C-alpha atoms as a PDB file:
ATOM      1  CA  UNK A   1     155.289 185.162  80.602  1.00  0.00           C
ATOM      2  CA  UNK A   2     155.642 185.486  76.804  1.00  0.00           C
ATOM      3  CA  UNK A   3     158.233 182.724  76.942  1.00  0.00           C
ATOM      4  CA  UNK A   4     155.819 180.487  78.878  1.00  0.00           C
ATOM      5  CA  UNK A   5     153.076 181.049  76.293  1.00  0.00           C
ATOM      6  CA  UNK A   6     155.520 180.318  73.481  1.00  0.00           C
ATOM      7  CA  UNK A   7     156.762 177.132  75.172  1.00  0.00           C
ATOM      8  CA  UNK A   8     153.204 175.927  75.753  1.00  0.00           C
ATOM      9  CA  UNK A   9     152.211 176.586  72.124  1.00  0.00           C
ATOM     10  CA  UNK A  10     155.286 174.686  70.943  1.00  0.00           C
ATOM     11  CA  UNK A  11     154.514 171.723  73.227  1.00  0.00           C
ATOM     12  CA  UNK A  12     150.984 171.567  71.783  1.00  0.00           C
ATOM     13  CA  UNK A  13     152.312 170.860  68.280  1.00  0.00           C
ATOM     14  CA  UNK A  14     152.347 167.193  67.194  1.00  0.00           C
ATOM     15  CA  UNK A  15     156.084 167.650  66.542  1.00  0.00           C
ATOM     16  CA  UNK A  16     157.522 170.645  68.420  1.00  0.00           C
ATOM     17  CA  UNK A  17     159.804 173.109  66.677  1.00  0.00           C
ATOM     18  CA  UNK A  18     163.511 172.850  67.401  1.00  0.00           C
ATOM     19  CA  UNK A  19     165.305 175.831  68.895  1.00  0.00           C
ATOM     20  CA  UNK A  20     166.833 176.657  65.503  1.00  0.00           C
ATOM     21  CA  UNK A  21     163.425 176.409  63.808  1.00  0.00           C
ATOM     22  CA  UNK A  22     162.040 178.834  66.396  1.00  0.00           C
ATOM     23  CA  UNK A  23     164.853 181.284  65.611  1.00  0.00           C
ATOM     24  CA  UNK A  24     164.158 180.998  61.878  1.00  0.00           C
ATOM     25  CA  UNK A  25     160.392 181.375  62.416  1.00  0.00           C
ATOM     26  CA  UNK A  26     160.867 184.484  64.521  1.00  0.00           C
ATOM     27  CA  UNK A  27     163.065 186.081  61.876  1.00  0.00           C
ATOM     28  CA  UNK A  28     160.734 184.992  59.071  1.00  0.00           C
ATOM     29  CA  UNK A  29     157.764 186.520  60.921  1.00  0.00           C
ATOM     30  CA  UNK A  30     159.633 189.835  61.087  1.00  0.00           C
ATOM     31  CA  UNK A  31     159.965 189.884  57.301  1.00  0.00           C
ATOM     32  CA  UNK A  32     163.593 188.792  57.114  1.00  0.00           C
ATOM     33  CA  UNK A  33     164.618 187.187  53.819  1.00  0.00           C
ATOM     34  CA  UNK A  34     166.183 183.734  53.586  1.00  0.00           C
ATOM     35  CA  UNK A  35     169.551 185.260  52.690  1.00  0.00           C
ATOM     36  CA  UNK A  36     169.375 187.646  55.658  1.00  0.00           C
ATOM     37  CA  UNK A  37     168.398 184.789  57.989  1.00  0.00           C
ATOM     38  CA  UNK A  38     171.304 182.719  56.669  1.00  0.00           C
ATOM     39  CA  UNK A  39     173.777 185.533  57.228  1.00  0.00           C
ATOM     40  CA  UNK A  40     172.455 186.301  60.701  1.00  0.00           C
ATOM     41  CA  UNK A  41     172.554 182.664  61.847  1.00  0.00           C
ATOM     42  CA  UNK A  42     175.763 181.846  59.947  1.00  0.00           C
ATOM     43  CA  UNK A  43     174.136 179.034  57.973  1.00  0.00           C
ATOM     44  CA  UNK A  44     173.570 178.519  54.247  1.00  0.00           C
ATOM     45  CA  UNK A  45     170.440 179.779  52.465  1.00  0.00           C
ATOM     46  CA  UNK A  46     169.732 176.141  51.547  1.00  0.00           C
ATOM     47  CA  UNK A  47     169.686 175.235  55.255  1.00  0.00           C
ATOM     48  CA  UNK A  48     167.302 178.127  55.920  1.00  0.00           C
ATOM     49  CA  UNK A  49     165.003 176.816  53.192  1.00  0.00           C
ATOM     50  CA  UNK A  50     165.094 173.342  54.792  1.00  0.00           C
ATOM     51  CA  UNK A  51     164.218 174.807  58.190  1.00  0.00           C
ATOM     52  CA  UNK A  52     161.319 176.729  56.656  1.00  0.00           C
ATOM     53  CA  UNK A  53     160.008 173.572  54.976  1.00  0.00           C
ATOM     54  CA  UNK A  54     160.128 171.764  58.336  1.00  0.00           C
ATOM     55  CA  UNK A  55     158.410 174.704  60.054  1.00  0.00           C
ATOM     56  CA  UNK A  56     155.616 174.746  57.457  1.00  0.00           C
ATOM     57  CA  UNK A  57     155.104 170.989  57.861  1.00  0.00           C
ATOM     58  CA  UNK A  58     155.066 171.145  61.662  1.00  0.00           C
ATOM     59  CA  UNK A  59     152.639 174.088  61.724  1.00  0.00           C
ATOM     60  CA  UNK A  60     150.445 172.731  58.932  1.00  0.00           C
ATOM     61  CA  UNK A  61     150.826 175.907  56.868  1.00  0.00           C
ATOM     62  CA  UNK A  62     152.033 176.529  53.336  1.00  0.00           C
ATOM     63  CA  UNK A  63     153.132 180.160  53.244  1.00  0.00           C
ATOM     64  CA  UNK A  64     155.360 182.608  55.063  1.00  0.00           C
ATOM     65  CA  UNK A  65     152.272 184.696  55.811  1.00  0.00           C
ATOM     66  CA  UNK A  66     150.449 181.801  57.482  1.00  0.00           C
ATOM     67  CA  UNK A  67     153.558 180.928  59.494  1.00  0.00           C
ATOM     68  CA  UNK A  68     153.936 184.575  60.516  1.00  0.00           C
ATOM     69  CA  UNK A  69     150.310 184.801  61.638  1.00  0.00           C
ATOM     70  CA  UNK A  70     150.699 181.603  63.685  1.00  0.00           C
ATOM     71  CA  UNK A  71     153.926 182.905  65.251  1.00  0.00           C
ATOM     72  CA  UNK A  72     152.264 186.196  66.173  1.00  0.00           C
ATOM     73  CA  UNK A  73     149.145 184.556  67.621  1.00  0.00           C
ATOM     74  CA  UNK A  74     151.257 182.129  69.665  1.00  0.00           C
ATOM     75  CA  UNK A  75     153.536 184.874  71.066  1.00  0.00           C
ATOM     76  CA  UNK A  76     156.694 183.840  69.209  1.00  0.00           C
ATOM     77  CA  UNK A  77     157.140 187.463  68.084  1.00  0.00           C
END
């Protein structure tokens, strides 16, 4: 059910989030730092920053807090 709500919210975006962006968003919403996200996903901190920029653009937000609120409201976390 939660997965269905998440999928529907993602489909409603003008440009849906990629699977990797969803993973980064979920970790970001839990308060994980860029370095911790990078280590967990085995990617560079620069790549994490790029993903976060894309997430912000796709969601129309400009802060980690706004992205976290969106993720919570849309059942991503």
